């Protein structure tokens, strides 16, 4: 019910902005400012660039608000704009991240490695472990990193992630699956000596 109320409120704010009440745009995007910034930071690993991407995303969202269609959630549309901005910057700096991928290939089998969700909390509190995790995330091919950031860091569901990236839900699941495998393979050697596993732990990505 609250989600429906929020969508109605957003629809009203969008109508106000389009009618010329520009101040309403700040109220429209305020709930998502932190989310947009953190998503950009997760992708770029640079605070200044993340701020630039967030600012550019809000500017583009304002300029193109008339093109927004209510079939999608406003937050999904806004995150997609920010993601495209971050993606463009990454591709200029790291062309190798644009390696092609085949989402139809079902031959990938998970390696027998430590579950990425089950690393002991005492290890996760160590700064060097967090650094290893961040570097592993940065090394992912762009397409896999995007899905991982949206699903695991932004906590967006499969449908929202698919809409944001313009891919199918099946592709989201496959890319997330492969991203986890890649992270496991990179992190397992460094984390092999950790103490007995505990269920229900999550990575402190930041």
Protein backbone atom coordinates (compact mmCIF):
# COMPACT_ATOMS: atom_id res chain seq x y z
CA UNK A 1 0.00 0.00 0.00
CA UNK A 2 2.83 2.35 0.89
CA UNK A 3 4.49 1.64 -2.45
CA UNK A 4 1.31 2.61 -4.28
CA UNK A 5 1.07 5.80 -2.23
CA UNK A 6 4.68 6.65 -3.08
CA UNK A 7 4.01 6.10 -6.78
CA UNK A 8 0.96 8.37 -6.62
CA UNK A 9 3.01 11.03 -4.83
CA UNK A 10 5.73 10.73 -7.47
CA UNK A 11 3.18 11.02 -10.25
CA UNK A 12 1.93 14.24 -8.69
CA UNK A 13 5.43 15.65 -8.34
CA UNK A 14 6.26 14.74 -11.94
CA UNK A 15 3.11 16.51 -13.09
CA UNK A 16 4.09 19.59 -11.09
CA UNK A 17 7.58 19.67 -12.59
CA UNK A 18 6.23 19.28 -16.11
CA UNK A 19 3.76 22.08 -15.40
CA UNK A 20 6.64 24.41 -14.60
CA UNK A 21 7.06 24.02 -10.84
CA UNK A 22 10.74 23.23 -11.00
CA UNK A 23 11.24 23.19 -7.23
CA UNK A 24 9.17 20.00 -7.09
CA UNK A 25 12.00 18.16 -8.83
CA UNK A 26 14.10 18.30 -5.67
CA UNK A 27 11.31 16.60 -3.72
CA UNK A 28 11.00 14.02 -6.49
CA UNK A 29 14.66 12.92 -6.49
CA UNK A 30 15.55 13.50 -2.83
CA UNK A 31 14.64 9.93 -1.71
CA UNK A 32 17.05 8.52 -4.31
CA UNK A 33 20.04 10.84 -3.99
CA UNK A 34 22.03 8.51 -1.75
CA UNK A 35 21.09 5.44 -3.77
CA UNK A 36 22.21 7.02 -7.05
CA UNK A 37 25.48 8.20 -5.54
CA UNK A 38 26.30 4.86 -3.93
CA UNK A 39 25.52 3.00 -7.13
CA UNK A 40 27.88 5.28 -9.06
CA UNK A 41 30.53 4.90 -6.35
CA UNK A 42 30.19 1.11 -6.49
CA UNK A 43 30.85 1.21 -10.21
CA UNK A 44 33.58 3.86 -10.35
CA UNK A 45 35.31 3.58 -6.95
CA UNK A 46 36.02 7.30 -7.04
CA UNK A 47 34.06 9.75 -4.91
CA UNK A 48 34.54 12.77 -7.14
CA UNK A 49 33.52 10.86 -10.26
CA UNK A 50 30.55 9.34 -8.44
CA UNK A 51 29.39 12.82 -7.47
CA UNK A 52 29.77 13.99 -11.06
CA UNK A 53 27.80 11.00 -12.35
CA UNK A 54 25.02 11.54 -9.81
CA UNK A 55 24.78 15.23 -10.69
CA UNK A 56 24.72 14.51 -14.41
CA UNK A 57 22.08 11.85 -13.90
CA UNK A 58 19.79 14.29 -12.08
CA UNK A 59 20.31 16.92 -14.78
CA UNK A 60 19.46 14.44 -17.53
CA UNK A 61 16.47 13.16 -15.59
CA UNK A 62 15.17 16.73 -15.28
CA UNK A 63 15.71 17.50 -18.96
CA UNK A 64 14.08 14.26 -20.09
CA UNK A 65 11.31 13.98 -17.51
CA UNK A 66 8.70 14.41 -20.21
CA UNK A 67 9.87 11.12 -21.73
CA UNK A 68 9.34 9.16 -18.53
CA UNK A 69 6.60 6.57 -18.84
CA UNK A 70 4.73 5.46 -15.73
CA UNK A 71 4.89 1.80 -16.80
CA UNK A 72 8.29 1.75 -15.07
CA UNK A 73 9.10 2.93 -11.57
CA UNK A 74 10.67 6.38 -11.45
CA UNK A 75 13.53 5.07 -9.30
CA UNK A 76 14.30 2.39 -11.89
CA UNK A 77 14.36 4.98 -14.66
CA UNK A 78 16.60 7.29 -12.62
CA UNK A 79 19.04 4.53 -11.67
CA UNK A 80 19.22 3.50 -15.33
CA UNK A 81 20.27 7.03 -16.30
CA UNK A 82 22.96 7.07 -13.60
CA UNK A 83 24.12 3.61 -14.57
CA UNK A 84 24.51 4.65 -18.20
CA UNK A 85 26.59 7.64 -17.11
CA UNK A 86 28.84 5.46 -14.96
CA UNK A 87 29.07 2.87 -17.73
CA UNK A 88 30.18 5.50 -20.26
CA UNK A 89 32.95 6.71 -17.96
CA UNK A 90 34.17 3.20 -17.29
CA UNK A 91 34.24 2.35 -20.97
CA UNK A 92 36.35 5.41 -21.73
CA UNK A 93 38.85 4.43 -19.03
CA UNK A 94 38.70 0.64 -19.25
CA UNK A 95 37.70 -0.60 -22.71
CA UNK A 96 38.50 -4.18 -21.68
CA UNK A 97 35.47 -4.16 -19.38
CA UNK A 98 33.18 -4.28 -22.39
CA UNK A 99 34.03 -7.87 -23.23
CA UNK A 100 31.13 -9.58 -24.97
CA UNK A 101 29.14 -12.15 -23.02
CA UNK A 102 26.82 -14.95 -23.97
CA UNK A 103 23.84 -15.17 -21.62
CA UNK A 104 22.55 -18.24 -23.40
CA UNK A 105 25.52 -20.37 -22.40
CA UNK A 106 24.31 -22.61 -19.59
CA UNK A 107 27.51 -24.61 -19.27
CA UNK A 108 28.93 -22.71 -16.31
CA UNK A 109 29.09 -24.86 -13.20
CA UNK A 110 29.69 -23.27 -9.77
CA UNK A 111 33.13 -24.04 -8.41
CA UNK A 112 33.32 -25.84 -5.08
CA UNK A 113 34.36 -22.76 -3.17
CA UNK A 114 33.33 -20.99 -0.01
CA UNK A 115 29.86 -19.45 -0.33
CA UNK A 116 30.30 -15.70 -0.73
CA UNK A 117 27.51 -15.14 1.83
CA UNK A 118 29.10 -17.34 4.50
CA UNK A 119 32.43 -15.72 5.31
CA UNK A 120 32.84 -15.34 9.11
CA UNK A 121 32.07 -11.88 10.44
CA UNK A 122 35.40 -11.63 12.25
CA UNK A 123 37.22 -11.87 8.90
CA UNK A 124 34.94 -9.33 7.29
CA UNK A 125 35.84 -6.75 9.91
CA UNK A 126 39.43 -6.70 8.73
CA UNK A 127 40.22 -3.81 6.44
CA UNK A 128 42.43 -5.94 4.21
CA UNK A 129 39.57 -8.36 3.53
CA UNK A 130 37.22 -5.53 2.58
CA UNK A 131 39.91 -4.20 0.27
CA UNK A 132 40.26 -7.61 -1.39
CA UNK A 133 36.52 -7.75 -1.93
CA UNK A 134 36.39 -4.29 -3.47
CA UNK A 135 39.25 -5.07 -5.83
CA UNK A 136 37.59 -8.32 -6.87
CA UNK A 137 34.38 -6.45 -7.63
CA UNK A 138 36.27 -3.85 -9.67
CA UNK A 139 37.85 -6.59 -11.78
CA UNK A 140 34.52 -8.02 -12.93
CA UNK A 141 33.61 -7.43 -16.59
CA UNK A 142 31.28 -4.46 -16.76
CA UNK A 143 28.12 -6.41 -17.61
CA UNK A 144 28.54 -8.67 -14.60
CA UNK A 145 29.50 -5.84 -12.27
CA UNK A 146 26.37 -3.90 -13.23
CA UNK A 147 24.10 -6.80 -12.34
CA UNK A 148 25.95 -7.51 -9.11
CA UNK A 149 25.77 -3.89 -8.00
CA UNK A 150 22.04 -3.60 -8.71
CA UNK A 151 21.08 -6.94 -7.19
CA UNK A 152 23.44 -7.27 -4.24
CA UNK A 153 24.32 -3.69 -3.33
CA UNK A 154 21.21 -1.81 -4.44
CA UNK A 155 19.02 -4.75 -3.40
CA UNK A 156 16.84 -4.41 -6.50
CA UNK A 157 14.77 -7.39 -7.52
CA UNK A 158 15.28 -9.35 -10.73
CA UNK A 159 12.50 -7.54 -12.61
CA UNK A 160 13.77 -4.06 -11.68
CA UNK A 161 17.34 -5.01 -12.55
CA UNK A 162 16.23 -6.35 -15.92
CA UNK A 163 14.27 -3.16 -16.65
CA UNK A 164 17.20 -0.96 -15.61
CA UNK A 165 19.67 -2.76 -17.83
CA UNK A 166 17.29 -3.51 -20.71
CA UNK A 167 17.89 -7.25 -20.54
CA UNK A 168 15.77 -10.28 -19.71
CA UNK A 169 15.22 -11.65 -16.21
CA UNK A 170 16.97 -14.83 -17.30
CA UNK A 171 20.04 -12.79 -18.29
CA UNK A 172 20.02 -11.07 -14.89
CA UNK A 173 20.05 -14.43 -13.12
CA UNK A 174 22.78 -15.83 -15.34
CA UNK A 175 25.02 -12.77 -15.02
CA UNK A 176 24.58 -12.64 -11.26
CA UNK A 177 25.39 -16.35 -11.04
CA UNK A 178 28.58 -15.87 -13.05
CA UNK A 179 29.55 -12.75 -11.10
CA UNK A 180 29.36 -14.72 -7.87
CA UNK A 181 31.51 -17.49 -9.33
CA UNK A 182 34.13 -14.99 -10.51
CA UNK A 183 34.23 -13.35 -7.09
CA UNK A 184 34.49 -16.71 -5.37
CA UNK A 185 37.41 -17.77 -7.53
CA UNK A 186 39.29 -14.58 -6.79
CA UNK A 187 38.55 -14.48 -3.08
CA UNK A 188 38.83 -18.17 -2.15
CA UNK A 189 42.66 -18.29 -2.02
CA UNK A 190 42.81 -15.30 0.33
CA UNK A 191 39.94 -16.51 2.50
CA UNK A 192 40.81 -20.22 2.54
CA UNK A 193 42.14 -20.09 6.10
CA UNK A 194 39.08 -18.49 7.69
CA UNK A 195 37.43 -20.08 10.72
CA UNK A 196 34.34 -22.38 10.53
CA UNK A 197 31.54 -20.88 8.48
CA UNK A 198 28.47 -19.26 9.93
CA UNK A 199 25.19 -19.04 8.10
CA UNK A 200 23.44 -15.83 7.18
CA UNK A 201 26.42 -13.48 6.93
CA UNK A 202 26.63 -10.80 4.26
CA UNK A 203 29.60 -8.95 2.86
CA UNK A 204 30.10 -5.36 4.17
CA UNK A 205 30.86 -4.03 0.71
CA UNK A 206 31.44 -0.52 2.02
